[in-house]
Structure formats: structure tokens, C-alpha cells
Amino acid sequence: MALPSSDCVMAEQLCLSDSTCNATYRTLENCALAKTRLLSLDHDSRVRCLNAELDLGNSSLLHCKCHRRMKRQEHCLRIFWTVHSSMTDGYLNLETSPYENSANEEHWKTDYNKLAALVSGSQLAGDATNPCLRATHICNLSKKCFRLRTDYASICTKGAASEDVCDRRKCHRGLRNFFEKVPEDFTKRILFCPCQDEFCGERRRKTIVPDCSFQYNTKPNCLWLLDSCLEDHICKSRLADFQQNCQPVDMSPDGCSLHNHAACLQAYMGMIGTPMTPNYVSNSSVEVSLWCTCENSGNQKEKCDQILGMFESNKCLENTIWSQMHLKQTALERQEDLFYSSSLSFQGDSASTSLSSAMSQVAEGKTQRDSSKQSSMPMASSVFSGAVTSWPSLALFLPLLLSPH
């Protein structure tokens, strides 16, 4: 995928080739490093950092952006936060997203509809529908969707049968790979499948393997969760993107300041696989939250509530997810609904894998190689049941008054 013209990696290369820009950029690197190490800057140092940022003027480095699916994404984000590290009074304005506008991104052409048509020809016993199960079957027919879903499932479930703690960092990386590399035709339907019963809701809630990616043994304070996020360039960037694109406005008909549900939805999905990963809070609703609490927050209780309220009380996010779940279905999708039973166990996905293997043979003629791979890997479909999301309503969140890390 072609990089945006404002790509920060390219802008950095141009800057370093110019002696004046190079010197200014090196000053900003020292400023960012000091803040990362929580070193307090004296007045002269703060002025020097601010002047260095201003000296960049209208250079491409000052206005560069990054792309979620670009190579060297973390390096690109490091450059962005180096250039934007000097904030008024030392506070971080997270409402400035480092990501290129999604409208400018290249959209993939997928074979989703063709695979959905194959699934619609297979029937599972039952008298109710389970859109989450159908979405899983369709994902299993796509080589990339199946492989990356299997990858994060195997990582996120290690240690589940013992007292060992899962490797949350690797689990998060696997989740990000899935949502960044698999087309949204597949990921959105898995995350936001509309459920009308608890079987389907449980499948949706289990999509991200919450025991590893979402939950701790005890709920940490939300301020600690935010601190962990701000120490990570990807999480800090995704949070900035979320604040910008899911900013709620009470008087707006759709509840969003930018009136762009697609951008808000993408920003929400970007939070999955970060230290501030959200998820559904129950099987019977689409309410989402962070796994944290504001108890014992002392004089920072208001700030802590604000962090939690980004997801639990965000009217823009609530309306966005509701709209995605209730998109007008095509005739094909309405037909598919007739075939999927929510009475199937959300944990017993062997039926899903078997169906996928059989239908892959139809989809790819006689390529038994691919179908045998799917048959031998039941882990992916057995773990993923659900989706991540729900809707809250958010009190207007001012820029979080925390120093950048």
C-alpha cells in the first residue's frame, strides 16, 4: 500500500538532509527524550523546545502523518510525537491524531461477498440466528482472515489452562495485526455483529479473548491504564485518533463533532490491542468499557472518571456502533441469517472449522492444500466468538492534563 504523501518517515529523511532542519530536529529529539524520562525542564529549556518546534515553520515534518497499515509504523509515530512533544504548559493535547484521514486511505477490494454467498448455501440446525457465527464462518474461508485470527487466538490462549499469566503484550500485537491486515469487510462484521440473545452476545464479547487482552486479576485504576498508554507510541496515537474522531457533542444529531461514523468506528477498532483495550461488558448488551476503576483516585477522581467516560458515556461512540450494527442488510445477508443458530456453543467452534474446510474446497476448486490447513487448526474458531464494542456516551473530554511520556 502506497504511503501518504505526508508520511513522517519520508519527511524525516528530507529534514535530516538539510543542516538547519537537522539541528532543529535534534533539539526536538532531546526535548522528547527528556519528557519520556519524566525529567523536568527548566524555563529556558521549555522555551528552547517550543522555539525548535516553531522553527520548523511550514515544513513537511511539522505537518506529516502516519498510516495504520504502513511499514515502520512505530518509527513514524515516534517522529510525529518528537515533533509535537512541546505542548503549552507541558500538557499533551491528545486530540491531534497522528494518523492520515481514513478517507485518504486506499480501500481494499475483497472477496467477502463471494465467500458470503458460499456460506449462505450451507445450513446449520437451529431455530434462531447468530450473525456472529456467520461472520466467523466467512472469515474462516479467507486465507488471511483465518490465519491471522488463528495466530492471535493461539497467542492469547496460552496459559489459559494453568496458573500461568498469558503474554498480554504478544496478544495485543496479534490483535493489532488482525485488525490492521485483514480488510474491514471481515473485521467489522465480527466485531459489530448484531445480537439478540446471550449466545450470540457471548461470542461477540469473546472475540478478543478478554481473559488475556482485556482483563487483569483485579481492575487497575484508570489513571494507571492511561499512564501505560501514554508510554507507548502506538497506544498514545490510537487514543489521540479516538479522541479526535469520536469527540461527542450533545447538540449534534449523530452525537459526533466530526459527523463521521466511519472514522469513529475505525478509531475505536484501533484501540483494540493497546494497553487501553476496550470490550463489551456483558453478553446481553452492547455496552463497552475499559477494564479499570476510579476507586481510590483521591483528588484525581474527576480526571479518572473522564478517562472511563470516554467509552462508557460517549454518545458519539454509542451512535456509531448502533449504526454499524443496524446497517441495512442486503437480500443475501437476510438469507444468510436464516441459517445460523445461536444455540450452538460459542466455545465449540469445531463445526465452524469443519464447515469452513468443506466450503474452501468449493471456493478454490480442488485446492485441498488450503482446506487441510484449516481443518488442522480448530484453535482459531474455538476461541473467537465475539466482537469488541458497545456504546457509551462521553462527557466532552478536554485534552487530558497529563504530561507526555
Protein backbone atom coordinates (compact mmCIF):
# COMPACT_ATOMS: atom_id res chain seq x y z
CA MET A 1 0.00 0.00 0.00
CA ALA A 2 1.40 3.36 -1.03
CA LEU A 3 2.46 5.65 1.78
CA PRO A 4 0.70 9.01 2.15
CA SER A 5 2.50 11.99 0.64
CA SER A 6 2.81 13.43 4.15
CA ASP A 7 4.49 10.30 5.55
CA CYS A 8 6.66 11.24 8.57
CA VAL A 9 9.43 8.78 7.68
CA MET A 10 9.95 10.46 4.31
CA ALA A 11 9.67 13.90 5.90
CA GLU A 12 12.35 12.99 8.44
CA GLN A 13 14.73 11.90 5.68
CA LEU A 14 14.25 15.22 3.90
CA CYS A 15 14.80 17.15 7.12
CA LEU A 16 17.99 15.31 8.04
CA SER A 17 19.47 16.10 4.64
CA ASP A 18 19.25 19.85 5.43
CA SER A 19 21.74 21.12 8.03
CA THR A 20 19.39 23.74 9.57
CA CYS A 21 16.40 21.41 9.80
CA ASN A 22 18.65 18.63 11.08
CA ALA A 23 19.87 20.77 14.00
CA THR A 24 16.32 21.81 14.89
CA TYR A 25 15.07 18.24 14.76
CA ARG A 26 17.88 17.01 17.01
CA THR A 27 16.86 19.62 19.59
CA LEU A 28 13.30 18.32 19.49
CA GLU A 29 14.55 14.75 19.93
CA ASN A 30 16.30 15.80 23.16
CA CYS A 31 13.12 17.55 24.34
CA ALA A 32 11.02 14.44 23.67
CA LEU A 33 13.58 12.21 25.38
CA ALA A 34 13.56 14.37 28.50
CA LYS A 35 9.78 14.11 28.74
CA THR A 36 9.88 10.37 28.14
CA ARG A 37 12.21 10.03 31.11
CA LEU A 38 9.98 12.33 33.16
CA LEU A 39 12.79 14.87 33.52
CA SER A 40 11.51 18.30 34.46
CA LEU A 41 12.66 21.05 32.09
CA ASP A 42 13.61 24.49 33.35
CA HIS A 43 12.12 27.61 31.79
CA ASP A 44 14.94 28.11 29.29
CA SER A 45 14.74 24.50 28.14
CA ARG A 46 10.99 24.70 27.62
CA VAL A 47 11.41 27.87 25.59
CA ARG A 48 14.14 26.24 23.53
CA CYS A 49 11.91 23.24 22.81
CA LEU A 50 8.96 25.42 21.84
CA ASN A 51 11.13 27.58 19.58
CA ALA A 52 12.55 24.49 17.88
CA GLU A 53 9.04 23.35 17.04
CA LEU A 54 8.14 26.81 15.74
CA ASP A 55 11.34 26.93 13.69
CA LEU A 56 10.11 24.05 11.60
CA GLY A 57 7.61 26.51 10.18
CA ASN A 58 5.60 25.01 7.34
CA SER A 59 7.99 22.13 6.71
CA SER A 60 6.59 18.73 5.74
CA LEU A 61 7.94 17.37 9.04
CA LEU A 62 5.67 19.60 11.09
CA HIS A 63 2.57 18.54 9.15
CA CYS A 64 3.40 14.91 8.46
CA LYS A 65 1.11 11.99 9.30
CA CYS A 66 1.31 8.20 9.58
CA HIS A 67 -0.73 5.30 8.23
CA ARG A 68 -2.10 2.41 10.27
CA ARG A 69 -1.01 -0.19 7.75
CA MET A 70 2.34 1.31 6.79
CA LYS A 71 5.67 -0.40 7.33
CA ARG A 72 7.74 1.09 10.16
CA GLN A 73 4.57 2.44 11.77
CA GLU A 74 6.14 2.75 15.22
CA HIS A 75 9.09 4.67 13.81
CA CYS A 76 6.72 7.02 12.00
CA LEU A 77 4.75 7.64 15.20
CA ARG A 78 7.94 8.30 17.16
CA ILE A 79 8.80 11.03 14.65
CA PHE A 80 5.33 12.57 14.97
CA TRP A 81 5.48 12.74 18.78
CA THR A 82 9.05 14.06 18.64
CA VAL A 83 7.89 17.00 16.54
CA HIS A 84 4.75 17.53 18.63
CA SER A 85 6.24 16.99 22.08
CA SER A 86 6.26 20.67 23.07
CA MET A 87 2.80 21.47 24.34
CA THR A 88 1.58 24.54 26.18
CA ASP A 89 2.33 24.28 29.90
CA GLY A 90 3.73 20.80 29.31
CA TYR A 91 0.29 19.26 28.75
CA LEU A 92 -0.42 16.79 25.98
CA ASN A 93 -3.22 17.58 23.56
CA LEU A 94 -4.25 14.10 22.54
CA GLU A 95 -6.94 15.36 20.20
CA THR A 96 -4.34 15.82 17.44
CA SER A 97 -4.28 12.48 15.63
CA PRO A 98 -1.02 11.39 14.00
CA TYR A 99 -2.93 9.27 11.50
CA GLU A 100 -3.79 10.14 7.94
CA ASN A 101 -7.50 10.79 7.41
CA SER A 102 -9.12 7.43 6.67
CA ALA A 103 -10.89 8.98 3.68
CA ASN A 104 -7.48 9.33 2.03
CA GLU A 105 -6.52 5.71 2.63
CA GLU A 106 -6.66 3.06 -0.03
CA HIS A 107 -9.60 0.73 0.38
CA TRP A 108 -9.14 -2.93 -0.38
CA LYS A 109 -11.25 -4.88 -2.80
CA THR A 110 -12.18 -8.14 -1.13
CA ASP A 111 -13.89 -11.39 -1.95
CA TYR A 112 -16.19 -11.06 1.05
CA ASN A 113 -19.44 -11.17 -0.95
CA LYS A 114 -18.32 -14.25 -2.88
CA LEU A 115 -17.42 -16.06 0.33
CA ALA A 116 -20.67 -14.94 1.97
CA ALA A 117 -22.58 -16.43 -0.95
CA LEU A 118 -20.88 -19.78 -0.34
CA VAL A 119 -21.77 -19.67 3.34
CA SER A 120 -25.39 -18.83 2.55
CA GLY A 121 -25.69 -22.18 0.80
CA SER A 122 -24.90 -24.15 3.96
CA GLN A 123 -27.40 -24.68 6.73
CA LEU A 124 -26.84 -25.38 10.40
CA ALA A 125 -29.59 -26.78 12.55
CA GLY A 126 -31.41 -24.38 14.80
CA ASP A 127 -34.36 -22.07 15.01
CA ALA A 128 -32.61 -18.77 15.75
CA THR A 129 -29.96 -16.69 14.03
CA ASN A 130 -26.41 -15.91 15.06
CA PRO A 131 -24.78 -13.22 12.90
CA CYS A 132 -21.52 -13.59 14.85
CA LEU A 133 -21.28 -17.25 13.94
CA ARG A 134 -21.93 -16.45 10.28
CA ALA A 135 -19.23 -13.77 10.32
CA THR A 136 -16.82 -16.32 11.79
CA HIS A 137 -17.58 -18.84 9.05
CA ILE A 138 -16.98 -16.25 6.34
CA CYS A 139 -13.69 -15.21 7.96
CA ASN A 140 -12.57 -18.84 8.01
CA LEU A 141 -12.98 -19.01 4.23
CA SER A 142 -10.46 -16.20 3.74
CA LYS A 143 -6.84 -17.36 3.99
CA LYS A 144 -5.64 -14.12 5.56
CA CYS A 145 -8.57 -13.68 7.93
CA PHE A 146 -8.37 -17.30 9.09
CA ARG A 147 -4.57 -17.26 9.51
CA LEU A 148 -4.35 -14.00 11.47
CA ARG A 149 -7.36 -14.90 13.58
CA THR A 150 -5.76 -18.24 14.39
CA ASP A 151 -2.46 -16.53 15.19
CA TYR A 152 -3.84 -14.23 17.86
CA ALA A 153 -6.08 -16.95 19.25
CA SER A 154 -3.15 -19.27 19.87
CA ILE A 155 -1.10 -16.48 21.47
CA CYS A 156 -3.89 -15.10 23.65
CA THR A 157 -4.95 -18.50 25.00
CA LYS A 158 -1.50 -19.68 26.12
CA GLY A 159 -1.54 -20.24 29.85
CA ALA A 160 -5.35 -20.29 29.96
CA ALA A 161 -5.42 -23.83 31.31
CA SER A 162 -2.90 -23.19 34.08
CA GLU A 163 -1.93 -20.55 36.59
CA ASP A 164 0.48 -19.01 34.11
CA VAL A 165 -0.28 -15.47 33.03
CA CYS A 166 -0.68 -15.01 29.29
CA ASP A 167 1.74 -12.80 27.38
CA ARG A 168 -0.52 -9.76 27.10
CA ARG A 169 1.95 -7.78 25.01
CA LYS A 170 2.18 -10.51 22.35
CA CYS A 171 -1.59 -10.99 22.50
CA HIS A 172 -2.12 -7.27 21.85
CA ARG A 173 0.33 -7.36 18.96
CA GLY A 174 -1.55 -10.29 17.43
CA LEU A 175 -4.86 -8.43 17.75
CA ARG A 176 -3.42 -5.32 16.10
CA ASN A 177 -2.07 -7.43 13.24
CA PHE A 178 -5.52 -8.89 12.72
CA PHE A 179 -7.33 -5.57 12.63
CA GLU A 180 -4.66 -3.81 10.57
CA LYS A 181 -4.05 -6.50 7.96
CA VAL A 182 -7.50 -8.04 7.48
CA PRO A 183 -9.95 -5.98 5.38
CA GLU A 184 -12.71 -4.26 7.35
CA ASP A 185 -15.33 -6.19 5.38
CA PHE A 186 -14.41 -9.09 7.65
CA THR A 187 -13.32 -7.44 10.90
CA LYS A 188 -16.29 -5.09 11.25
CA ARG A 189 -18.78 -7.91 10.87
CA ILE A 190 -17.02 -9.97 13.53
CA LEU A 191 -16.75 -7.05 15.97
CA PHE A 192 -20.15 -5.47 15.47
CA CYS A 193 -22.44 -8.38 14.65
CA PRO A 194 -25.97 -7.54 15.88
CA CYS A 195 -27.05 -9.98 18.60
CA GLN A 196 -30.46 -10.63 20.07
CA ASP A 197 -29.57 -13.30 22.63
CA GLU A 198 -26.80 -14.17 25.07
CA PHE A 199 -25.29 -16.97 22.97
CA CYS A 200 -24.52 -14.53 20.20
CA GLY A 201 -23.53 -11.82 22.70
CA GLU A 202 -21.05 -14.13 24.40
CA ARG A 203 -19.49 -14.99 21.07
CA ARG A 204 -19.12 -11.30 20.29
CA ARG A 205 -17.68 -10.47 23.72
CA LYS A 206 -15.13 -13.31 23.46
CA THR A 207 -13.79 -12.14 20.09
CA ILE A 208 -10.68 -10.52 21.58
CA VAL A 209 -10.04 -13.31 24.12
CA PRO A 210 -10.72 -10.95 27.04
CA ASP A 211 -9.10 -13.16 29.70
CA CYS A 212 -5.76 -12.16 28.20
CA SER A 213 -6.19 -8.96 26.19
CA PHE A 214 -8.70 -7.14 28.40
CA GLN A 215 -8.92 -8.35 31.98
CA TYR A 216 -6.42 -8.29 34.83
CA ASN A 217 -6.90 -10.29 38.04
CA THR A 218 -8.00 -7.05 39.68
CA LYS A 219 -9.13 -3.86 37.98
CA PRO A 220 -6.34 -1.28 37.87
CA ASN A 221 -7.00 2.41 38.34
CA CYS A 222 -7.89 4.12 35.05
CA LEU A 223 -5.13 6.70 35.62
CA TRP A 224 -2.58 3.86 35.69
CA LEU A 225 -4.08 2.50 32.48
CA LEU A 226 -3.70 5.89 30.84
CA ASP A 227 -0.10 6.22 32.03
CA SER A 228 0.66 2.84 30.45
CA CYS A 229 -0.92 4.04 27.23
CA LEU A 230 1.00 7.30 27.07
CA GLU A 231 4.28 5.41 27.44
CA ASP A 232 3.53 3.52 24.22
CA HIS A 233 3.68 5.38 20.90
CA ILE A 234 1.02 3.21 19.27
CA CYS A 235 -1.44 3.41 22.17
CA LYS A 236 -0.92 7.15 22.59
CA SER A 237 -1.52 7.61 18.86
CA ARG A 238 -4.64 5.45 18.82
CA LEU A 239 -6.02 7.32 21.82
CA ALA A 240 -5.38 10.65 20.08
CA ASP A 241 -7.15 9.33 17.00
CA PHE A 242 -10.07 8.14 19.12
CA GLN A 243 -10.38 11.50 20.87
CA GLN A 244 -10.37 13.35 17.57
CA ASN A 245 -12.82 11.15 15.68
CA CYS A 246 -15.20 10.10 18.47
CA GLN A 247 -15.49 13.52 20.14
CA PRO A 248 -19.10 13.79 21.39
CA VAL A 249 -21.30 16.85 21.03
CA ASP A 250 -24.61 16.96 22.89
CA MET A 251 -26.43 19.14 20.35
CA SER A 252 -25.34 17.18 17.29
CA PRO A 253 -27.99 14.87 15.72
CA ASP A 254 -25.48 12.00 15.50
CA GLY A 255 -23.70 12.93 18.73
CA CYS A 256 -20.35 13.42 16.96
CA SER A 257 -18.39 16.60 16.46
CA LEU A 258 -16.98 15.47 13.10
CA HIS A 259 -20.16 13.68 11.94
CA ASN A 260 -18.09 10.80 10.60
CA HIS A 261 -19.20 7.41 11.91
CA ALA A 262 -16.72 5.52 9.71
CA ALA A 263 -13.76 7.40 11.18
CA CYS A 264 -15.01 6.93 14.75
CA LEU A 265 -15.55 3.22 14.15
CA GLN A 266 -12.05 2.81 12.78
CA ALA A 267 -10.62 4.79 15.70
CA TYR A 268 -12.44 2.58 18.20
CA MET A 269 -11.16 -0.57 16.49
CA GLY A 270 -7.67 0.92 16.67
CA MET A 271 -7.82 0.89 20.48
CA ILE A 272 -8.09 -2.91 20.49
CA GLY A 273 -4.67 -4.42 21.07
CA THR A 274 -3.36 -1.50 23.15
CA PRO A 275 -2.98 -1.11 26.94
CA MET A 276 -6.36 0.70 26.82
CA THR A 277 -8.19 -2.12 25.04
CA PRO A 278 -11.99 -1.81 25.43
CA ASN A 279 -14.56 -4.59 25.22
CA TYR A 280 -18.21 -5.44 25.76
CA VAL A 281 -19.05 -5.60 29.43
CA SER A 282 -21.71 -8.32 29.22
CA ASN A 283 -23.32 -10.88 26.93
CA SER A 284 -26.71 -9.22 26.97
CA SER A 285 -25.84 -5.69 25.88
CA VAL A 286 -23.55 -3.79 23.56
CA GLU A 287 -22.23 -1.52 26.31
CA VAL A 288 -18.44 -1.21 26.25
CA SER A 289 -15.90 -0.09 28.80
CA LEU A 290 -12.26 -0.16 29.78
CA TRP A 291 -11.16 -2.70 32.39
CA CYS A 292 -10.37 -0.20 35.13
CA THR A 293 -11.84 1.56 38.13
CA CYS A 294 -11.76 5.06 39.62
CA GLU A 295 -11.92 3.95 43.24
CA ASN A 296 -9.17 5.39 45.44
CA SER A 297 -8.32 8.10 42.91
CA GLY A 298 -8.14 10.80 45.57
CA ASN A 299 -8.10 14.34 44.22
CA GLN A 300 -7.77 12.98 40.66
CA LYS A 301 -11.18 11.32 40.75
CA GLU A 302 -12.67 13.76 38.23
CA LYS A 303 -9.85 13.16 35.75
CA CYS A 304 -10.16 9.40 36.26
CA ASP A 305 -13.93 9.50 35.62
CA GLN A 306 -13.22 11.42 32.44
CA ILE A 307 -10.96 8.65 31.17
CA LEU A 308 -13.52 5.94 31.93
CA GLY A 309 -16.27 8.10 30.45
CA MET A 310 -14.53 8.20 27.07
CA PHE A 311 -16.07 4.78 26.45
CA GLU A 312 -18.88 4.35 28.97
CA SER A 313 -20.56 7.70 28.38
CA ASN A 314 -19.68 8.54 24.78
CA LYS A 315 -22.82 9.31 22.81
CA CYS A 316 -20.87 9.60 19.57
CA LEU A 317 -19.40 6.12 20.02
CA GLU A 318 -22.76 4.73 21.07
CA ASN A 319 -24.48 6.04 17.94
CA THR A 320 -21.61 4.92 15.74
CA ILE A 321 -21.72 1.32 16.91
CA TRP A 322 -25.51 1.27 16.80
CA SER A 323 -25.45 2.48 13.19
CA GLN A 324 -22.89 -0.15 12.19
CA MET A 325 -24.88 -2.96 13.78
CA HIS A 326 -28.08 -1.88 12.08
CA LEU A 327 -26.85 -1.18 8.58
CA LYS A 328 -29.48 -2.12 6.03
CA GLN A 329 -28.85 -5.73 5.13
CA THR A 330 -28.64 -6.96 1.58
CA ALA A 331 -31.01 -9.64 0.41
CA LEU A 332 -28.10 -12.10 0.57
CA GLU A 333 -27.34 -11.29 4.20
CA ARG A 334 -31.00 -11.59 5.17
CA GLN A 335 -31.00 -15.02 3.57
CA GLU A 336 -27.83 -15.97 5.45
CA ASP A 337 -29.48 -15.06 8.74
CA LEU A 338 -31.90 -17.93 8.30
CA PHE A 339 -29.13 -20.49 8.52
CA TYR A 340 -27.24 -19.70 11.70
CA SER A 341 -28.28 -20.92 15.09
CA SER A 342 -27.36 -19.04 18.25
CA SER A 343 -27.99 -22.25 20.17
CA LEU A 344 -24.58 -23.54 19.06
CA SER A 345 -21.99 -23.25 21.79
CA PHE A 346 -19.83 -20.17 21.40
CA GLN A 347 -16.85 -22.18 22.59
CA GLY A 348 -17.43 -25.24 20.44
CA ASP A 349 -16.36 -23.95 17.07
CA SER A 350 -15.36 -27.27 15.58
CA ALA A 351 -18.50 -27.03 13.47
CA SER A 352 -17.30 -23.67 12.21
CA THR A 353 -13.92 -25.03 11.23
CA SER A 354 -15.37 -28.12 9.59
CA LEU A 355 -17.80 -26.03 7.58
CA SER A 356 -15.00 -23.70 6.54
CA SER A 357 -12.82 -26.56 5.36
CA ALA A 358 -15.56 -28.09 3.30
CA MET A 359 -16.54 -24.81 1.72
CA SER A 360 -12.96 -23.83 0.96
CA GLN A 361 -12.90 -26.78 -1.41
CA VAL A 362 -15.86 -25.33 -3.21
CA ALA A 363 -14.37 -21.85 -3.20
CA GLU A 364 -10.99 -22.89 -4.52
CA GLY A 365 -11.88 -25.85 -6.70
CA LYS A 366 -9.56 -28.70 -5.93
CA THR A 367 -7.01 -26.89 -3.77
CA GLN A 368 -7.16 -29.34 -0.92
CA ARG A 369 -3.96 -27.88 0.45
CA ASP A 370 -5.70 -24.82 1.89
CA SER A 371 -8.71 -26.67 3.23
CA SER A 372 -6.49 -29.20 5.02
CA LYS A 373 -4.69 -26.32 6.75
CA GLN A 374 -7.98 -25.01 8.06
CA SER A 375 -9.13 -28.45 9.21
CA SER A 376 -5.96 -28.91 11.23
CA MET A 377 -6.32 -25.59 13.08
CA PRO A 378 -9.52 -25.57 15.15
CA MET A 379 -8.00 -23.24 17.76
CA ALA A 380 -8.88 -20.02 15.98
CA SER A 381 -12.55 -20.62 15.60
CA SER A 382 -12.94 -22.13 19.02
CA VAL A 383 -11.62 -19.08 20.80
CA PHE A 384 -13.11 -16.23 18.90
CA SER A 385 -16.65 -15.78 19.47
CA GLY A 386 -17.37 -12.26 19.73
CA ALA A 387 -16.73 -8.78 18.97
CA VAL A 388 -15.39 -5.88 20.76
CA THR A 389 -17.56 -2.96 21.25
CA SER A 390 -20.52 -1.33 22.53
CA TRP A 391 -21.80 2.05 23.01
CA PRO A 392 -21.38 4.58 25.71
CA SER A 393 -21.78 8.25 25.83
CA LEU A 394 -18.99 10.57 26.60
CA ALA A 395 -18.80 13.78 28.51
CA LEU A 396 -16.82 16.26 26.45
CA PHE A 397 -13.29 15.31 27.13
CA LEU A 398 -10.91 18.23 27.30
CA PRO A 399 -7.31 17.44 26.45
CA LEU A 400 -6.09 15.13 29.18
CA LEU A 401 -3.99 17.14 31.61
CA LEU A 402 -1.11 14.74 31.76
CA SER A 403 2.48 15.23 30.73
CA PRO A 404 3.53 13.17 27.71
CA HIS A 405 5.80 10.22 28.32
